């Protein structure tokens, strides 16, 4: 007699999806993706802005909370309107929230 298959749920991933993301993390991802899409280096963009590449890296990784002036300068160096950064940030946060809600519902249904 074969054992019945068990549903395995990654509760860590479900919890992570429910946790709110920080705005600085979302904006950092958007900026990093734009820089990479342009095939530009951290050093190139950092020089255009007038900051160290270490600081730009920390912004992209969501470890620093840059001022609106810094965000504007990075956007300008990338040729990206600030409105695009805001719009993409909203989309990502909404998608993250929707995924978290879906995963939470799935975990609750499987636990029942």
N, C-alpha and C. Protein backbone atom coordinates (compact mmCIF):
# COMPACT_ATOMS: atom_id res chain seq x y z
N UNK A 1 0.84 -1.17 0.00
CA UNK A 1 0.00 0.00 0.00
C UNK A 1 0.89 1.24 0.00
N UNK A 2 0.63 2.15 -0.96
CA UNK A 2 1.43 3.36 -1.09
C UNK A 2 0.93 4.44 -0.14
N UNK A 3 1.86 5.21 0.43
CA UNK A 3 1.43 6.31 1.30
C UNK A 3 0.72 7.39 0.49
N UNK A 4 -0.23 8.05 1.12
CA UNK A 4 -0.96 9.12 0.45
C UNK A 4 -0.03 10.31 0.25
N UNK A 5 -0.16 10.98 -0.91
CA UNK A 5 0.69 12.16 -1.12
C UNK A 5 0.29 13.28 -0.16
N UNK A 6 1.31 14.01 0.29
CA UNK A 6 1.06 15.11 1.22
C UNK A 6 1.27 16.43 0.51
N UNK A 7 0.45 17.39 0.85
CA UNK A 7 0.63 18.73 0.32
C UNK A 7 1.72 19.41 1.14
N UNK A 8 2.70 19.93 0.47
CA UNK A 8 3.79 20.63 1.13
C UNK A 8 3.63 22.11 0.83
N UNK A 9 3.59 22.91 1.87
CA UNK A 9 3.44 24.35 1.72
C UNK A 9 4.67 25.03 2.30
N UNK A 10 5.26 25.89 1.51
CA UNK A 10 6.41 26.67 1.98
C UNK A 10 5.88 27.87 2.75
N UNK A 11 5.76 27.72 4.06
CA UNK A 11 5.21 28.78 4.89
C UNK A 11 6.12 30.00 4.94
N UNK A 12 7.41 29.79 4.80
CA UNK A 12 8.33 30.93 4.78
C UNK A 12 8.07 31.83 3.59
N UNK A 13 7.84 31.24 2.42
CA UNK A 13 7.54 32.04 1.23
C UNK A 13 6.19 32.72 1.36
N UNK A 14 5.24 32.02 1.94
CA UNK A 14 3.91 32.62 2.13
C UNK A 14 3.99 33.81 3.08
N UNK A 15 4.74 33.66 4.16
CA UNK A 15 4.91 34.77 5.11
C UNK A 15 5.62 35.95 4.46
N UNK A 16 6.65 35.66 3.68
CA UNK A 16 7.41 36.72 3.03
C UNK A 16 6.53 37.50 2.05
N UNK A 17 5.64 36.81 1.36
CA UNK A 17 4.76 37.48 0.41
C UNK A 17 3.74 38.36 1.14
N UNK A 18 3.37 38.00 2.37
CA UNK A 18 2.40 38.80 3.12
C UNK A 18 3.04 40.02 3.76
N UNK A 19 4.34 39.97 4.02
CA UNK A 19 5.02 41.08 4.66
C UNK A 19 5.07 42.26 3.69
N UNK A 20 4.76 43.44 4.17
CA UNK A 20 4.80 44.60 3.26
C UNK A 20 6.23 44.88 2.83
N UNK A 21 6.37 45.23 1.57
CA UNK A 21 7.68 45.59 1.05
C UNK A 21 7.90 47.06 1.29
N UNK A 22 9.12 47.41 1.54
CA UNK A 22 9.46 48.80 1.73
C UNK A 22 9.54 49.49 0.38
N UNK A 23 9.11 50.72 0.35
CA UNK A 23 9.12 51.49 -0.89
C UNK A 23 10.53 51.59 -1.45
N UNK A 24 11.51 51.72 -0.59
CA UNK A 24 12.89 51.84 -1.06
C UNK A 24 13.34 50.56 -1.77
N UNK A 25 12.83 49.40 -1.35
CA UNK A 25 13.18 48.15 -2.02
C UNK A 25 12.58 48.10 -3.42
N UNK A 26 11.35 48.52 -3.52
CA UNK A 26 10.67 48.51 -4.82
C UNK A 26 11.33 49.49 -5.78
N UNK A 27 11.58 50.71 -5.32
CA UNK A 27 12.23 51.69 -6.19
C UNK A 27 13.63 51.23 -6.59
N UNK A 28 14.35 50.60 -5.67
CA UNK A 28 15.67 50.08 -5.99
C UNK A 28 15.62 49.04 -7.09
N UNK A 29 14.63 48.15 -7.03
CA UNK A 29 14.48 47.13 -8.08
C UNK A 29 14.19 47.76 -9.43
N UNK A 30 13.32 48.75 -9.43
CA UNK A 30 12.96 49.43 -10.68
C UNK A 30 14.19 50.10 -11.28
N UNK A 31 14.95 50.81 -10.45
CA UNK A 31 16.15 51.49 -10.94
C UNK A 31 17.19 50.50 -11.45
N UNK A 32 17.39 49.42 -10.71
CA UNK A 32 18.37 48.41 -11.14
C UNK A 32 17.96 47.78 -12.47
N UNK A 33 16.68 47.45 -12.59
CA UNK A 33 16.21 46.85 -13.85
C UNK A 33 16.39 47.81 -15.03
N UNK A 34 16.09 49.08 -14.81
CA UNK A 34 16.26 50.07 -15.88
C UNK A 34 17.74 50.20 -16.26
N UNK A 35 18.61 50.26 -15.27
CA UNK A 35 20.05 50.36 -15.55
C UNK A 35 20.53 49.15 -16.33
N UNK A 36 20.11 47.97 -15.91
CA UNK A 36 20.53 46.74 -16.60
C UNK A 36 19.94 46.66 -18.00
N UNK A 37 18.68 47.10 -18.16
CA UNK A 37 18.06 47.11 -19.49
C UNK A 37 18.86 47.99 -20.45
N UNK A 38 19.47 49.03 -19.92
CA UNK A 38 20.30 49.93 -20.73
C UNK A 38 21.74 49.43 -20.86
N UNK A 39 22.01 48.31 -20.23
CA UNK A 39 23.35 47.71 -20.25
C UNK A 39 24.41 48.69 -19.76
N UNK A 40 24.07 49.36 -18.65
CA UNK A 40 24.99 50.33 -18.06
C UNK A 40 25.51 49.80 -16.73
N UNK A 41 26.71 50.21 -16.40
CA UNK A 41 27.33 49.75 -15.15
C UNK A 41 26.93 50.68 -14.00
N UNK A 42 27.09 50.15 -12.80
CA UNK A 42 26.88 50.98 -11.60
C UNK A 42 27.78 52.21 -11.65
N UNK A 43 29.02 51.99 -12.03
CA UNK A 43 29.99 53.07 -12.07
C UNK A 43 29.57 54.17 -13.05
N UNK A 44 29.09 53.77 -14.20
CA UNK A 44 28.67 54.73 -15.22
C UNK A 44 27.53 55.61 -14.71
N UNK A 45 26.51 55.00 -14.14
CA UNK A 45 25.35 55.76 -13.66
C UNK A 45 25.74 56.59 -12.44
N UNK A 46 26.50 56.01 -11.54
CA UNK A 46 26.92 56.73 -10.34
C UNK A 46 27.72 57.98 -10.70
N UNK A 47 28.61 57.87 -11.68
CA UNK A 47 29.39 59.03 -12.12
C UNK A 47 28.48 60.11 -12.71
N UNK A 48 27.48 59.68 -13.48
CA UNK A 48 26.55 60.64 -14.09
C UNK A 48 25.75 61.40 -13.03
N UNK A 49 25.47 60.71 -11.92
CA UNK A 49 24.72 61.33 -10.82
C UNK A 49 25.64 62.15 -9.92
N UNK A 50 26.89 61.69 -9.78
CA UNK A 50 27.82 62.35 -8.87
C UNK A 50 27.81 61.72 -7.49
N UNK A 51 27.65 60.41 -7.46
CA UNK A 51 27.67 59.67 -6.20
C UNK A 51 28.58 58.46 -6.35
N UNK A 52 28.88 57.81 -5.24
CA UNK A 52 29.71 56.61 -5.32
C UNK A 52 28.88 55.43 -5.83
N UNK A 53 29.58 54.51 -6.48
CA UNK A 53 28.84 53.34 -6.96
C UNK A 53 28.38 52.48 -5.79
N UNK A 54 29.07 52.53 -4.66
CA UNK A 54 28.63 51.79 -3.48
C UNK A 54 27.27 52.30 -2.99
N UNK A 55 27.12 53.63 -2.98
CA UNK A 55 25.85 54.21 -2.53
C UNK A 55 24.72 53.86 -3.51
N UNK A 56 24.99 53.94 -4.80
CA UNK A 56 23.98 53.56 -5.79
C UNK A 56 23.62 52.09 -5.65
N UNK A 57 24.60 51.25 -5.39
CA UNK A 57 24.33 49.82 -5.19
C UNK A 57 23.41 49.60 -3.99
N UNK A 58 23.66 50.34 -2.93
CA UNK A 58 22.82 50.19 -1.73
C UNK A 58 21.40 50.69 -1.99
N UNK A 59 21.25 51.72 -2.80
CA UNK A 59 19.92 52.18 -3.19
C UNK A 59 19.21 51.07 -3.97
N UNK A 60 19.91 50.51 -4.95
CA UNK A 60 19.31 49.46 -5.78
C UNK A 60 18.93 48.22 -4.97
N UNK A 61 19.67 47.93 -3.93
CA UNK A 61 19.37 46.76 -3.09
C UNK A 61 18.35 47.08 -1.99
N UNK A 62 17.88 48.32 -1.94
CA UNK A 62 16.87 48.70 -0.96
C UNK A 62 17.40 48.88 0.43
N UNK A 63 18.70 49.11 0.55
CA UNK A 63 19.30 49.27 1.88
C UNK A 63 19.40 50.72 2.32
N UNK A 64 19.29 51.64 1.36
CA UNK A 64 19.32 53.07 1.67
C UNK A 64 17.98 53.66 1.27
N UNK A 65 17.57 54.68 1.99
CA UNK A 65 16.31 55.38 1.73
C UNK A 65 16.67 56.74 1.13
N UNK A 66 16.81 56.80 -0.20
CA UNK A 66 17.28 58.04 -0.81
C UNK A 66 16.21 59.14 -0.79
N UNK A 67 16.68 60.37 -0.81
CA UNK A 67 15.77 61.51 -0.86
C UNK A 67 15.13 61.57 -2.25
N UNK A 68 14.08 62.37 -2.36
CA UNK A 68 13.43 62.53 -3.67
C UNK A 68 14.40 63.17 -4.66
N UNK A 69 15.29 64.01 -4.18
CA UNK A 69 16.28 64.63 -5.06
C UNK A 69 17.24 63.60 -5.64
N UNK A 70 17.67 62.68 -4.79
CA UNK A 70 18.57 61.61 -5.26
C UNK A 70 17.85 60.72 -6.27
N UNK A 71 16.61 60.33 -5.96
CA UNK A 71 15.85 59.51 -6.90
C UNK A 71 15.70 60.23 -8.23
N UNK A 72 15.41 61.52 -8.17
CA UNK A 72 15.28 62.30 -9.40
C UNK A 72 16.58 62.34 -10.18
N UNK A 73 17.68 62.47 -9.50
CA UNK A 73 18.99 62.51 -10.17
C UNK A 73 19.31 61.17 -10.83
N UNK A 74 19.02 60.09 -10.16
CA UNK A 74 19.28 58.76 -10.74
C UNK A 74 18.37 58.55 -11.96
N UNK A 75 17.11 58.93 -11.81
CA UNK A 75 16.18 58.81 -12.95
C UNK A 75 16.69 59.63 -14.14
N UNK A 76 17.12 60.87 -13.88
CA UNK A 76 17.65 61.71 -14.96
C UNK A 76 18.86 61.08 -15.63
N UNK A 77 19.75 60.49 -14.83
CA UNK A 77 20.95 59.83 -15.40
C UNK A 77 20.56 58.65 -16.28
N UNK A 78 19.42 58.03 -15.96
CA UNK A 78 18.95 56.89 -16.75
C UNK A 78 18.03 57.33 -17.89
N UNK A 79 17.73 58.62 -17.96
CA UNK A 79 16.80 59.09 -18.99
C UNK A 79 15.39 58.59 -18.75
N UNK A 80 15.06 58.43 -17.49
CA UNK A 80 13.79 57.85 -17.08
C UNK A 80 12.99 58.91 -16.32
N UNK A 81 11.77 59.21 -16.76
CA UNK A 81 10.97 60.18 -16.00
C UNK A 81 10.67 59.65 -14.60
N UNK A 82 10.66 60.53 -13.62
CA UNK A 82 10.35 60.12 -12.24
C UNK A 82 8.97 59.47 -12.18
N UNK A 83 8.06 59.96 -13.02
CA UNK A 83 6.70 59.38 -13.05
C UNK A 83 6.73 57.90 -13.40
N UNK A 84 7.66 57.51 -14.26
CA UNK A 84 7.80 56.10 -14.62
C UNK A 84 8.24 55.28 -13.41
N UNK A 85 9.16 55.83 -12.63
CA UNK A 85 9.60 55.15 -11.41
C UNK A 85 8.42 54.96 -10.46
N UNK A 86 7.65 56.01 -10.27
CA UNK A 86 6.49 55.94 -9.36
C UNK A 86 5.46 54.94 -9.87
N UNK A 87 5.17 54.98 -11.16
CA UNK A 87 4.18 54.09 -11.75
C UNK A 87 4.60 52.62 -11.61
N UNK A 88 5.84 52.33 -11.95
CA UNK A 88 6.33 50.96 -11.85
C UNK A 88 6.37 50.50 -10.39
N UNK A 89 6.70 51.43 -9.49
CA UNK A 89 6.70 51.10 -8.07
C UNK A 89 5.32 50.71 -7.59
N UNK A 90 4.32 51.46 -8.00
CA UNK A 90 2.93 51.15 -7.61
C UNK A 90 2.52 49.79 -8.15
N UNK A 91 2.84 49.54 -9.41
CA UNK A 91 2.49 48.23 -10.01
C UNK A 91 3.12 47.07 -9.24
N UNK A 92 4.39 47.21 -8.92
CA UNK A 92 5.08 46.13 -8.21
C UNK A 92 4.51 45.91 -6.81
N UNK A 93 4.23 47.00 -6.12
CA UNK A 93 3.67 46.85 -4.76
C UNK A 93 2.27 46.22 -4.82
N UNK A 94 1.48 46.60 -5.81
CA UNK A 94 0.15 46.02 -5.97
C UNK A 94 0.24 44.54 -6.31
N UNK A 95 1.16 44.20 -7.19
CA UNK A 95 1.34 42.79 -7.56
C UNK A 95 1.79 41.98 -6.35
N UNK A 96 2.71 42.53 -5.56
CA UNK A 96 3.20 41.83 -4.37
C UNK A 96 2.06 41.59 -3.38
N UNK A 97 1.23 42.61 -3.20
CA UNK A 97 0.09 42.49 -2.29
C UNK A 97 -0.88 41.43 -2.79
N UNK A 98 -1.14 41.41 -4.10
CA UNK A 98 -2.06 40.42 -4.67
C UNK A 98 -1.52 39.01 -4.52
N UNK A 99 -0.23 38.83 -4.74
CA UNK A 99 0.39 37.51 -4.58
C UNK A 99 0.31 37.06 -3.14
N UNK A 100 0.57 37.96 -2.22
CA UNK A 100 0.49 37.63 -0.79
C UNK A 100 -0.90 37.21 -0.39
N UNK A 101 -1.92 37.88 -0.90
CA UNK A 101 -3.30 37.53 -0.59
C UNK A 101 -3.64 36.17 -1.15
N UNK A 102 -3.21 35.89 -2.38
CA UNK A 102 -3.48 34.59 -3.01
C UNK A 102 -2.78 33.48 -2.24
N UNK A 103 -1.52 33.68 -1.87
CA UNK A 103 -0.80 32.64 -1.15
C UNK A 103 -1.38 32.43 0.23
N UNK A 104 -1.82 33.49 0.88
CA UNK A 104 -2.41 33.36 2.21
C UNK A 104 -3.68 32.53 2.12
N UNK A 105 -4.52 32.79 1.13
CA UNK A 105 -5.75 32.05 0.95
C UNK A 105 -5.45 30.58 0.68
N UNK A 106 -4.46 30.30 -0.15
CA UNK A 106 -4.08 28.92 -0.47
C UNK A 106 -3.61 28.19 0.79
N UNK A 107 -2.78 28.83 1.60
CA UNK A 107 -2.28 28.21 2.82
C UNK A 107 -3.44 27.93 3.77
N UNK A 108 -4.35 28.88 3.90
CA UNK A 108 -5.50 28.69 4.79
C UNK A 108 -6.38 27.54 4.32
N UNK A 109 -6.60 27.43 3.00
CA UNK A 109 -7.43 26.37 2.47
C UNK A 109 -6.78 25.01 2.67
N UNK A 110 -5.48 24.93 2.48
CA UNK A 110 -4.78 23.67 2.64
C UNK A 110 -4.72 23.25 4.11
N UNK A 111 -4.69 24.21 5.00
CA UNK A 111 -4.64 23.90 6.42
C UNK A 111 -5.98 23.39 6.94
N UNK A 112 -7.04 23.72 6.27
CA UNK A 112 -8.38 23.33 6.73
C UNK A 112 -8.65 21.87 6.58
